[in-house]
Amino acid sequence: MTITAEEAHTSTASSDEATPLWWVRTIVSWLVLFACALILLALVVVPRVSGAQAYTVLTGSMQPALSPGALVVVRPTPAEDLAAGDVITFQPYSGDPSVVTHRINGIYYDMSGQQRIYTQGDANNVADNWALVPEQVRGKLWYSVPQLGRVNLLLTGDTRVLAITAVAGGLIVYAAWMFGSGLRDRTKKKRATQLKTAGPIDEPTPSGEAAAEGVGDRHEEAGHGDSA
């Protein structure tokens, strides 16, 4: 079988033609992988490692800074480090686990020297009707991610553990698959390039048959000489 340089060039050209599509697929895939990793970090890993707590905004009282569905991550902060303008998450009523995330609009001390914290939602026209003590404050806003809080609402208890395990495992498998796919494509391209560089490869000529044909020709010529 003969492999010509033209055929090798055609194989390489086909590989090159697929290269733009391969790059698009690779870039999009890595972007999806990166986005999933960021979501996992923002939603679970960073809060857990730093001792912070993640909450979901349910109302529009803090718009436009925090819209419904946003994820807010707050860190415990000493009362003396809080100041007017800080956004905090707090438990307004004792015994009620519900929390509110509003902005501090004033910090004062009552006659007994107890610190009192007053808050108000950015979208509200009036201040809140409670005066908080430091023990009611869960933490100061660290960062927020729009709409990611909706995912946080779905992931609770065992569902969160299962989702974390599935996403982490999926990311590892997907990364391994992408690496293997890229390595395989590069190997194919390298092989096609080597075939192009080697040039035509001809089949070997059967030397025994050619030699026999040569001997026959010489015998025929000798016979013609005798008849003459």
C-alpha atoms as a PDB file:
ATOM      1  CA  MET A   1       0.000   0.000   0.000  1.00  0.00           C
ATOM      2  CA  THR A   2       1.275   3.463  -0.885  1.00  0.00           C
ATOM      3  CA  ILE A   3       0.607   6.464   1.399  1.00  0.00           C
ATOM      4  CA  THR A   4       1.253   9.614  -0.564  1.00  0.00           C
ATOM      5  CA  ALA A   5       2.146  13.009   0.790  1.00  0.00           C
ATOM      6  CA  GLU A   6      -1.081  14.330  -0.707  1.00  0.00           C
ATOM      7  CA  GLU A   7      -3.187  11.897   1.345  1.00  0.00           C
ATOM      8  CA  ALA A   8      -1.267  12.731   4.490  1.00  0.00           C
ATOM      9  CA  HIS A   9      -1.766  16.422   3.781  1.00  0.00           C
ATOM     10  CA  THR A  10      -5.510  15.831   3.344  1.00  0.00           C
ATOM     11  CA  SER A  11      -5.640  14.075   6.739  1.00  0.00           C
ATOM     12  CA  THR A  12      -3.790  16.959   8.372  1.00  0.00           C
ATOM     13  CA  ALA A  13      -6.026  19.503   6.679  1.00  0.00           C
ATOM     14  CA  SER A  14      -9.123  17.732   8.017  1.00  0.00           C
ATOM     15  CA  SER A  15      -7.609  17.896  11.503  1.00  0.00           C
ATOM     16  CA  ASP A  16      -6.807  21.576  11.077  1.00  0.00           C
ATOM     17  CA  GLU A  17     -10.340  22.283   9.860  1.00  0.00           C
ATOM     18  CA  ALA A  18     -11.689  20.847  13.128  1.00  0.00           C
ATOM     19  CA  THR A  19      -9.318  22.934  15.228  1.00  0.00           C
ATOM     20  CA  PRO A  20     -11.532  26.071  15.547  1.00  0.00           C
ATOM     21  CA  LEU A  21     -14.479  23.929  16.621  1.00  0.00           C
ATOM     22  CA  TRP A  22     -12.268  22.087  19.081  1.00  0.00           C
ATOM     23  CA  TRP A  23     -11.093  25.366  20.569  1.00  0.00           C
ATOM     24  CA  VAL A  24     -14.658  26.681  20.904  1.00  0.00           C
ATOM     25  CA  ARG A  25     -15.748  23.460  22.576  1.00  0.00           C
ATOM     26  CA  THR A  26     -12.770  23.490  24.901  1.00  0.00           C
ATOM     27  CA  ILE A  27     -13.153  27.146  25.915  1.00  0.00           C
ATOM     28  CA  VAL A  28     -16.898  26.828  26.558  1.00  0.00           C
ATOM     29  CA  SER A  29     -16.389  23.640  28.539  1.00  0.00           C
ATOM     30  CA  TRP A  30     -13.717  25.186  30.745  1.00  0.00           C
ATOM     31  CA  LEU A  31     -15.900  28.265  31.296  1.00  0.00           C
ATOM     32  CA  VAL A  32     -18.738  26.030  32.490  1.00  0.00           C
ATOM     33  CA  LEU A  33     -16.313  24.156  34.711  1.00  0.00           C
ATOM     34  CA  PHE A  34     -14.975  27.429  36.121  1.00  0.00           C
ATOM     35  CA  ALA A  35     -18.500  28.760  36.765  1.00  0.00           C
ATOM     36  CA  CYS A  36     -19.504  25.591  38.634  1.00  0.00           C
ATOM     37  CA  ALA A  37     -16.370  25.796  40.722  1.00  0.00           C
ATOM     38  CA  LEU A  38     -17.077  29.440  41.595  1.00  0.00           C
ATOM     39  CA  ILE A  39     -20.647  28.617  42.617  1.00  0.00           C
ATOM     40  CA  LEU A  40     -19.419  25.800  44.830  1.00  0.00           C
ATOM     41  CA  LEU A  41     -16.821  28.086  46.402  1.00  0.00           C
ATOM     42  CA  ALA A  42     -19.193  31.005  46.992  1.00  0.00           C
ATOM     43  CA  LEU A  43     -22.054  28.881  48.265  1.00  0.00           C
ATOM     44  CA  VAL A  44     -20.334  26.309  50.445  1.00  0.00           C
ATOM     45  CA  VAL A  45     -16.556  26.223  50.657  1.00  0.00           C
ATOM     46  CA  VAL A  46     -15.714  29.839  51.513  1.00  0.00           C
ATOM     47  CA  PRO A  47     -18.457  30.278  54.147  1.00  0.00           C
ATOM     48  CA  ARG A  48     -17.575  26.991  55.817  1.00  0.00           C
ATOM     49  CA  VAL A  49     -13.820  27.578  55.891  1.00  0.00           C
ATOM     50  CA  SER A  50     -14.097  31.193  57.097  1.00  0.00           C
ATOM     51  CA  GLY A  51     -16.795  30.609  59.699  1.00  0.00           C
ATOM     52  CA  ALA A  52     -19.254  32.799  57.776  1.00  0.00           C
ATOM     53  CA  GLN A  53     -22.942  32.125  57.155  1.00  0.00           C
ATOM     54  CA  ALA A  54     -24.906  32.260  53.890  1.00  0.00           C
ATOM     55  CA  TYR A  55     -28.451  33.613  53.646  1.00  0.00           C
ATOM     56  CA  THR A  56     -30.941  34.289  50.870  1.00  0.00           C
ATOM     57  CA  VAL A  57     -32.620  37.677  50.351  1.00  0.00           C
ATOM     58  CA  LEU A  58     -36.387  37.164  50.093  1.00  0.00           C
ATOM     59  CA  THR A  59     -37.748  40.700  49.829  1.00  0.00           C
ATOM     60  CA  GLY A  60     -36.883  43.919  48.025  1.00  0.00           C
ATOM     61  CA  SER A  61     -36.258  46.085  51.090  1.00  0.00           C
ATOM     62  CA  MET A  62     -32.558  46.412  50.243  1.00  0.00           C
ATOM     63  CA  GLN A  63     -32.875  47.126  46.536  1.00  0.00           C
ATOM     64  CA  PRO A  64     -31.011  48.043  44.437  1.00  0.00           C
ATOM     65  CA  ALA A  65     -27.993  46.842  46.439  1.00  0.00           C
ATOM     66  CA  LEU A  66     -29.536  43.449  47.256  1.00  0.00           C
ATOM     67  CA  SER A  67     -32.365  42.106  45.122  1.00  0.00           C
ATOM     68  CA  PRO A  68     -34.629  39.157  45.981  1.00  0.00           C
ATOM     69  CA  GLY A  69     -32.849  35.889  45.311  1.00  0.00           C
ATOM     70  CA  ALA A  70     -29.389  37.248  46.099  1.00  0.00           C
ATOM     71  CA  LEU A  71     -27.001  35.242  48.233  1.00  0.00           C
ATOM     72  CA  VAL A  72     -25.523  37.191  51.155  1.00  0.00           C
ATOM     73  CA  VAL A  73     -22.591  35.862  53.145  1.00  0.00           C
ATOM     74  CA  VAL A  74     -21.999  37.484  56.520  1.00  0.00           C
ATOM     75  CA  ARG A  75     -19.133  37.107  58.988  1.00  0.00           C
ATOM     76  CA  PRO A  76     -19.352  37.515  62.777  1.00  0.00           C
ATOM     77  CA  THR A  77     -18.055  40.973  63.631  1.00  0.00           C
ATOM     78  CA  PRO A  78     -17.338  42.489  67.055  1.00  0.00           C
ATOM     79  CA  ALA A  79     -19.876  45.122  68.057  1.00  0.00           C
ATOM     80  CA  GLU A  80     -17.160  47.781  68.395  1.00  0.00           C
ATOM     81  CA  ASP A  81     -16.226  47.279  64.735  1.00  0.00           C
ATOM     82  CA  LEU A  82     -19.728  48.022  63.457  1.00  0.00           C
ATOM     83  CA  ALA A  83     -20.519  51.486  62.104  1.00  0.00           C
ATOM     84  CA  ALA A  84     -23.328  53.398  60.421  1.00  0.00           C
ATOM     85  CA  GLY A  85     -23.572  52.344  56.787  1.00  0.00           C
ATOM     86  CA  ASP A  86     -22.649  48.709  57.387  1.00  0.00           C
ATOM     87  CA  VAL A  87     -25.054  46.056  56.107  1.00  0.00           C
ATOM     88  CA  ILE A  88     -25.775  43.454  58.784  1.00  0.00           C
ATOM     89  CA  THR A  89     -27.905  40.347  59.182  1.00  0.00           C
ATOM     90  CA  PHE A  90     -29.716  40.127  62.504  1.00  0.00           C
ATOM     91  CA  GLN A  91     -32.446  38.352  64.424  1.00  0.00           C
ATOM     92  CA  PRO A  92     -34.952  41.100  65.252  1.00  0.00           C
ATOM     93  CA  TYR A  93     -37.116  39.110  67.678  1.00  0.00           C
ATOM     94  CA  SER A  94     -35.879  36.855  70.446  1.00  0.00           C
ATOM     95  CA  GLY A  95     -36.990  33.260  70.009  1.00  0.00           C
ATOM     96  CA  ASP A  96     -37.819  33.781  66.324  1.00  0.00           C
ATOM     97  CA  PRO A  97     -35.198  32.239  63.999  1.00  0.00           C
ATOM     98  CA  SER A  98     -36.131  34.594  61.160  1.00  0.00           C
ATOM     99  CA  VAL A  99     -33.386  37.025  60.166  1.00  0.00           C
ATOM    100  CA  VAL A 100     -33.312  40.372  58.380  1.00  0.00           C
ATOM    101  CA  THR A 101     -30.524  41.990  56.379  1.00  0.00           C
ATOM    102  CA  HIS A 102     -30.617  45.808  56.573  1.00  0.00           C
ATOM    103  CA  ARG A 103     -28.203  48.722  56.777  1.00  0.00           C
ATOM    104  CA  ILE A 104     -27.168  50.366  60.042  1.00  0.00           C
ATOM    105  CA  ASN A 105     -28.326  53.984  60.173  1.00  0.00           C
ATOM    106  CA  GLY A 106     -27.203  54.736  63.713  1.00  0.00           C
ATOM    107  CA  ILE A 107     -25.510  53.327  66.817  1.00  0.00           C
ATOM    108  CA  TYR A 108     -26.316  54.810  70.217  1.00  0.00           C
ATOM    109  CA  TYR A 109     -26.008  54.005  73.914  1.00  0.00           C
ATOM    110  CA  ASP A 110     -28.904  54.118  76.337  1.00  0.00           C
ATOM    111  CA  MET A 111     -28.828  55.419  79.897  1.00  0.00           C
ATOM    112  CA  SER A 112     -27.416  52.140  81.184  1.00  0.00           C
ATOM    113  CA  GLY A 113     -24.560  52.212  78.679  1.00  0.00           C
ATOM    114  CA  GLN A 114     -26.039  49.432  76.556  1.00  0.00           C
ATOM    115  CA  GLN A 115     -25.226  49.713  72.860  1.00  0.00           C
ATOM    116  CA  ARG A 116     -28.282  50.038  70.627  1.00  0.00           C
ATOM    117  CA  ILE A 117     -28.166  49.491  66.871  1.00  0.00           C
ATOM    118  CA  TYR A 118     -30.768  51.049  64.569  1.00  0.00           C
ATOM    119  CA  THR A 119     -31.345  49.841  61.026  1.00  0.00           C
ATOM    120  CA  GLN A 120     -33.277  50.619  57.864  1.00  0.00           C
ATOM    121  CA  GLY A 121     -33.760  48.992  54.484  1.00  0.00           C
ATOM    122  CA  ASP A 122     -32.355  50.945  51.537  1.00  0.00           C
ATOM    123  CA  ALA A 123     -35.713  50.807  49.752  1.00  0.00           C
ATOM    124  CA  ASN A 124     -37.760  51.700  52.854  1.00  0.00           C
ATOM    125  CA  ASN A 125     -38.883  55.252  53.613  1.00  0.00           C
ATOM    126  CA  VAL A 126     -38.802  54.810  57.388  1.00  0.00           C
ATOM    127  CA  ALA A 127     -36.381  53.217  59.836  1.00  0.00           C
ATOM    128  CA  ASP A 128     -37.064  49.858  61.446  1.00  0.00           C
ATOM    129  CA  ASN A 129     -39.020  49.930  64.698  1.00  0.00           C
ATOM    130  CA  TRP A 130     -36.516  47.945  66.756  1.00  0.00           C
ATOM    131  CA  ALA A 131     -33.366  48.801  68.655  1.00  0.00           C
ATOM    132  CA  LEU A 132     -30.941  45.895  68.446  1.00  0.00           C
ATOM    133  CA  VAL A 133     -28.365  44.778  70.963  1.00  0.00           C
ATOM    134  CA  PRO A 134     -25.073  43.254  69.717  1.00  0.00           C
ATOM    135  CA  GLU A 135     -26.197  39.713  70.615  1.00  0.00           C
ATOM    136  CA  GLN A 136     -28.919  39.907  67.981  1.00  0.00           C
ATOM    137  CA  VAL A 137     -26.472  40.563  65.152  1.00  0.00           C
ATOM    138  CA  ARG A 138     -25.464  37.452  63.174  1.00  0.00           C
ATOM    139  CA  GLY A 139     -22.771  39.188  61.176  1.00  0.00           C
ATOM    140  CA  LYS A 140     -21.665  41.931  58.798  1.00  0.00           C
ATOM    141  CA  LEU A 141     -22.074  41.547  55.045  1.00  0.00           C
ATOM    142  CA  TRP A 142     -18.928  40.082  53.482  1.00  0.00           C
ATOM    143  CA  TYR A 143     -20.058  39.526  49.897  1.00  0.00           C
ATOM    144  CA  SER A 144     -23.201  38.888  47.868  1.00  0.00           C
ATOM    145  CA  VAL A 145     -23.978  37.075  44.609  1.00  0.00           C
ATOM    146  CA  PRO A 146     -27.150  37.925  42.632  1.00  0.00           C
ATOM    147  CA  GLN A 147     -29.678  35.077  42.208  1.00  0.00           C
ATOM    148  CA  LEU A 148     -27.408  32.454  43.775  1.00  0.00           C
ATOM    149  CA  GLY A 149     -29.544  32.507  46.898  1.00  0.00           C
ATOM    150  CA  ARG A 150     -32.244  30.608  45.000  1.00  0.00           C
ATOM    151  CA  VAL A 151     -29.851  27.681  44.762  1.00  0.00           C
ATOM    152  CA  ASN A 152     -29.099  28.067  48.463  1.00  0.00           C
ATOM    153  CA  LEU A 153     -32.812  27.668  49.253  1.00  0.00           C
ATOM    154  CA  LEU A 154     -32.923  24.353  47.416  1.00  0.00           C
ATOM    155  CA  LEU A 155     -29.842  22.943  49.117  1.00  0.00           C
ATOM    156  CA  THR A 156     -30.668  22.220  52.737  1.00  0.00           C
ATOM    157  CA  GLY A 157     -29.624  19.414  55.061  1.00  0.00           C
ATOM    158  CA  ASP A 158     -28.925  16.102  53.332  1.00  0.00           C
ATOM    159  CA  THR A 159     -29.689  17.641  49.953  1.00  0.00           C
ATOM    160  CA  ARG A 160     -26.792  20.072  50.374  1.00  0.00           C
ATOM    161  CA  VAL A 161     -24.341  17.283  51.263  1.00  0.00           C
ATOM    162  CA  LEU A 162     -25.502  15.179  48.319  1.00  0.00           C
ATOM    163  CA  ALA A 163     -25.274  18.124  45.922  1.00  0.00           C
ATOM    164  CA  ILE A 164     -21.782  19.062  47.111  1.00  0.00           C
ATOM    165  CA  THR A 165     -20.574  15.480  46.648  1.00  0.00           C
ATOM    166  CA  ALA A 166     -22.167  15.203  43.201  1.00  0.00           C
ATOM    167  CA  VAL A 167     -20.835  18.535  41.967  1.00  0.00           C
ATOM    168  CA  ALA A 168     -17.341  17.933  43.304  1.00  0.00           C
ATOM    169  CA  GLY A 169     -17.218  14.458  41.777  1.00  0.00           C
ATOM    170  CA  GLY A 170     -18.629  15.728  38.503  1.00  0.00           C
ATOM    171  CA  LEU A 171     -16.031  18.479  38.308  1.00  0.00           C
ATOM    172  CA  ILE A 172     -13.202  16.002  38.856  1.00  0.00           C
ATOM    173  CA  VAL A 173     -14.518  13.574  36.237  1.00  0.00           C
ATOM    174  CA  TYR A 174     -15.190  16.371  33.766  1.00  0.00           C
ATOM    175  CA  ALA A 175     -11.722  17.840  34.208  1.00  0.00           C
ATOM    176  CA  ALA A 176     -10.161  14.399  33.658  1.00  0.00           C
ATOM    177  CA  TRP A 177     -12.263  13.863  30.535  1.00  0.00           C
ATOM    178  CA  MET A 178     -11.296  17.259  29.118  1.00  0.00           C
ATOM    179  CA  PHE A 179      -7.619  16.585  29.768  1.00  0.00           C
ATOM    180  CA  GLY A 180      -7.800  13.144  28.121  1.00  0.00           C
ATOM    181  CA  SER A 181      -9.726  14.505  25.142  1.00  0.00           C
ATOM    182  CA  GLY A 182      -7.204  17.280  24.583  1.00  0.00           C
ATOM    183  CA  LEU A 183      -4.285  14.842  24.845  1.00  0.00           C
ATOM    184  CA  ARG A 184      -5.919  12.484  22.338  1.00  0.00           C
ATOM    185  CA  ASP A 185      -6.558  15.280  19.839  1.00  0.00           C
ATOM    186  CA  ARG A 186      -2.979  16.521  20.105  1.00  0.00           C
ATOM    187  CA  THR A 187      -1.671  12.980  19.539  1.00  0.00           C
ATOM    188  CA  LYS A 188      -3.784  12.584  16.387  1.00  0.00           C
ATOM    189  CA  LYS A 189      -2.600  15.900  15.030  1.00  0.00           C
ATOM    190  CA  LYS A 190       1.043  15.048  15.745  1.00  0.00           C
ATOM    191  CA  ARG A 191       0.684  11.701  13.963  1.00  0.00           C
ATOM    192  CA  ALA A 192      -0.861  13.359  10.903  1.00  0.00           C
ATOM    193  CA  THR A 193       1.985  15.875  10.812  1.00  0.00           C
ATOM    194  CA  GLN A 194       4.550  13.061  10.928  1.00  0.00           C
ATOM    195  CA  LEU A 195       2.876  11.302   7.970  1.00  0.00           C
ATOM    196  CA  LYS A 196       2.951  14.522   5.982  1.00  0.00           C
ATOM    197  CA  THR A 197       6.654  15.021   6.690  1.00  0.00           C
ATOM    198  CA  ALA A 198       7.582  11.426   5.771  1.00  0.00           C
ATOM    199  CA  GLY A 199       6.343  11.778   2.172  1.00  0.00           C
ATOM    200  CA  PRO A 200       5.254   8.855  -0.104  1.00  0.00           C
ATOM    201  CA  ILE A 201       5.914   5.336   1.101  1.00  0.00           C
ATOM    202  CA  ASP A 202       5.990   2.876  -1.893  1.00  0.00           C
ATOM    203  CA  GLU A 203       5.396  -0.842  -1.732  1.00  0.00           C
ATOM    204  CA  PRO A 204       8.573  -2.917  -2.166  1.00  0.00           C
ATOM    205  CA  THR A 205       9.128  -4.385  -5.665  1.00  0.00           C
ATOM    206  CA  PRO A 206       9.229  -8.218  -5.730  1.00  0.00           C
ATOM    207  CA  SER A 207      12.902  -8.619  -6.767  1.00  0.00           C
ATOM    208  CA  GLY A 208      12.637 -12.358  -7.504  1.00  0.00           C
ATOM    209  CA  GLU A 209       9.937 -11.873 -10.138  1.00  0.00           C
ATOM    210  CA  ALA A 210      11.847  -9.044 -11.860  1.00  0.00           C
ATOM    211  CA  ALA A 211      14.987 -11.165 -12.023  1.00  0.00           C
ATOM    212  CA  ALA A 212      13.103 -14.061 -13.597  1.00  0.00           C
ATOM    213  CA  GLU A 213      11.612 -11.784 -16.238  1.00  0.00           C
ATOM    214  CA  GLY A 214      15.105 -10.494 -17.121  1.00  0.00           C
ATOM    215  CA  VAL A 215      16.473 -14.031 -17.615  1.00  0.00           C
ATOM    216  CA  GLY A 216      13.578 -14.975 -19.864  1.00  0.00           C
ATOM    217  CA  ASP A 217      14.218 -11.992 -22.095  1.00  0.00           C
ATOM    218  CA  ARG A 218      17.849 -12.917 -22.547  1.00  0.00           C
ATOM    219  CA  HIS A 219      16.986 -16.538 -23.474  1.00  0.00           C
ATOM    220  CA  GLU A 220      14.515 -15.322 -26.093  1.00  0.00           C
ATOM    221  CA  GLU A 221      17.122 -13.080 -27.706  1.00  0.00           C
ATOM    222  CA  ALA A 222      19.641 -15.954 -27.817  1.00  0.00           C
ATOM    223  CA  GLY A 223      17.136 -18.175 -29.610  1.00  0.00           C
ATOM    224  CA  HIS A 224      16.551 -15.564 -32.325  1.00  0.00           C
ATOM    225  CA  GLY A 225      20.264 -15.447 -33.016  1.00  0.00           C
ATOM    226  CA  ASP A 226      20.519 -19.259 -33.676  1.00  0.00           C
ATOM    227  CA  SER A 227      17.642 -19.294 -36.224  1.00  0.00           C
ATOM    228  CA  ALA A 228      19.224 -16.511 -38.141  1.00  0.00           C
END
